[in-house]
Amino acid sequence: MSNREAHLDKIKAQIDEWGAEIDKLEAKARGAEADARIKYEEQLSEMRMQREKAREKWREMAESGEDAWESMKDGMESAWDSMSKAFKDAANKFK
């Protein structure tokens, strides 16, 4: 497996993990009282948006050629770090 494939697999695994976390928090939100449920839904919306951004970046990276991959890798890592932080921040508001 190439470094590129390993990197893409790692990102895909993180996106899948985020999906599972969203599912878990959706169940928690359904059991919450009305006021808390509204707050949870706002956070879930943010988390879904970050997950979709991550999926789009993953698609861009997966579809890029080898030359484009090298030139976009650093920028993607920075964007990925930002998305990851935003997702974690939203998830932490459930605690």
Protein backbone atom coordinates (compact mmCIF):
# COMPACT_ATOMS: atom_id res chain seq x y z
CA MET A 1 0.00 0.00 0.00
CA SER A 2 1.38 3.38 -0.96
CA ASN A 3 1.75 6.30 1.42
CA ARG A 4 -1.09 8.02 -0.46
CA GLU A 5 -3.42 5.04 -0.04
CA ALA A 6 -2.54 4.71 3.64
CA HIS A 7 -3.24 8.41 4.17
CA LEU A 8 -6.60 8.15 2.38
CA ASP A 9 -7.53 5.06 4.39
CA LYS A 10 -6.71 6.90 7.63
CA ILE A 11 -8.90 9.85 6.64
CA LYS A 12 -11.76 7.57 5.59
CA ALA A 13 -11.56 5.75 8.93
CA GLN A 14 -11.79 9.10 10.76
CA ILE A 15 -14.83 10.13 8.71
CA ASP A 16 -16.48 6.79 9.54
CA GLU A 17 -15.66 7.30 13.22
CA TRP A 18 -17.25 10.74 13.11
CA GLY A 19 -20.37 9.20 11.56
CA ALA A 20 -20.62 6.72 14.44
CA GLU A 21 -20.14 9.54 16.95
CA ILE A 22 -22.91 11.56 15.29
CA ASP A 23 -25.24 8.54 15.45
CA LYS A 24 -24.50 8.10 19.15
CA LEU A 25 -25.09 11.79 19.91
CA GLU A 26 -28.31 11.81 17.85
CA ALA A 27 -29.65 9.09 20.15
CA LYS A 28 -28.65 11.16 23.17
CA ALA A 29 -30.37 14.23 21.69
CA ARG A 30 -33.61 12.29 21.13
CA GLY A 31 -33.68 11.45 24.84
CA ALA A 32 -33.06 15.03 25.96
CA GLU A 33 -35.62 17.56 27.09
CA ALA A 34 -36.86 20.11 24.56
CA ASP A 35 -34.48 22.95 25.45
CA ALA A 36 -31.45 20.70 25.46
CA ARG A 37 -32.61 18.96 22.27
CA ILE A 38 -32.56 22.28 20.39
CA LYS A 39 -29.00 22.92 21.55
CA TYR A 40 -27.97 19.38 20.63
CA GLU A 41 -29.51 19.69 17.17
CA GLU A 42 -27.49 22.86 16.54
CA GLN A 43 -24.30 21.04 17.48
CA LEU A 44 -25.25 17.97 15.43
CA SER A 45 -25.84 20.21 12.44
CA GLU A 46 -22.33 21.64 12.83
CA MET A 47 -20.87 18.16 13.19
CA ARG A 48 -22.67 16.92 10.08
CA MET A 49 -21.41 19.93 8.14
CA GLN A 50 -17.81 19.23 9.22
CA ARG A 51 -18.19 15.56 8.28
CA GLU A 52 -19.47 16.53 4.82
CA LYS A 53 -16.56 18.94 4.34
CA ALA A 54 -14.20 16.13 5.30
CA ARG A 55 -15.87 13.76 2.84
CA GLU A 56 -15.50 16.33 0.07
CA LYS A 57 -11.81 16.85 0.86
CA TRP A 58 -11.33 13.08 0.93
CA ARG A 59 -12.97 12.79 -2.50
CA GLU A 60 -10.74 15.54 -3.89
CA MET A 61 -7.68 13.79 -2.56
CA ALA A 62 -8.80 10.35 -3.77
CA GLU A 63 -9.51 11.66 -7.27
CA SER A 64 -6.30 13.65 -7.60
CA GLY A 65 -3.41 12.40 -9.65
CA GLU A 66 -0.08 11.55 -8.06
CA ASP A 67 1.46 14.93 -9.00
CA ALA A 68 -1.54 16.87 -7.71
CA TRP A 69 -1.56 14.74 -4.56
CA GLU A 70 1.91 15.89 -3.55
CA SER A 71 1.12 19.55 -4.13
CA MET A 72 -2.20 19.50 -2.28
CA LYS A 73 -1.22 17.23 0.64
CA ASP A 74 0.08 19.99 2.95
CA GLY A 75 -2.92 22.23 2.34
CA MET A 76 -5.27 19.33 2.90
CA GLU A 77 -3.58 18.43 6.18
CA SER A 78 -4.07 21.98 7.44
CA ALA A 79 -7.73 21.97 6.37
CA TRP A 80 -8.16 18.52 7.91
CA ASP A 81 -6.76 19.70 11.25
CA SER A 82 -9.19 22.62 11.24
CA MET A 83 -12.18 20.38 10.46
CA SER A 84 -11.12 17.87 13.08
CA LYS A 85 -10.90 20.58 15.74
CA ALA A 86 -14.31 22.00 14.81
CA PHE A 87 -15.85 18.53 15.01
CA LYS A 88 -14.31 17.85 18.41
CA ASP A 89 -15.41 21.26 19.71
CA ALA A 90 -18.99 20.57 18.66
CA ALA A 91 -18.91 17.06 20.16
CA ASN A 92 -17.53 18.40 23.46
CA LYS A 93 -20.59 20.61 23.88
CA PHE A 94 -22.60 17.43 24.47
CA LYS A 95 -20.62 16.64 27.61
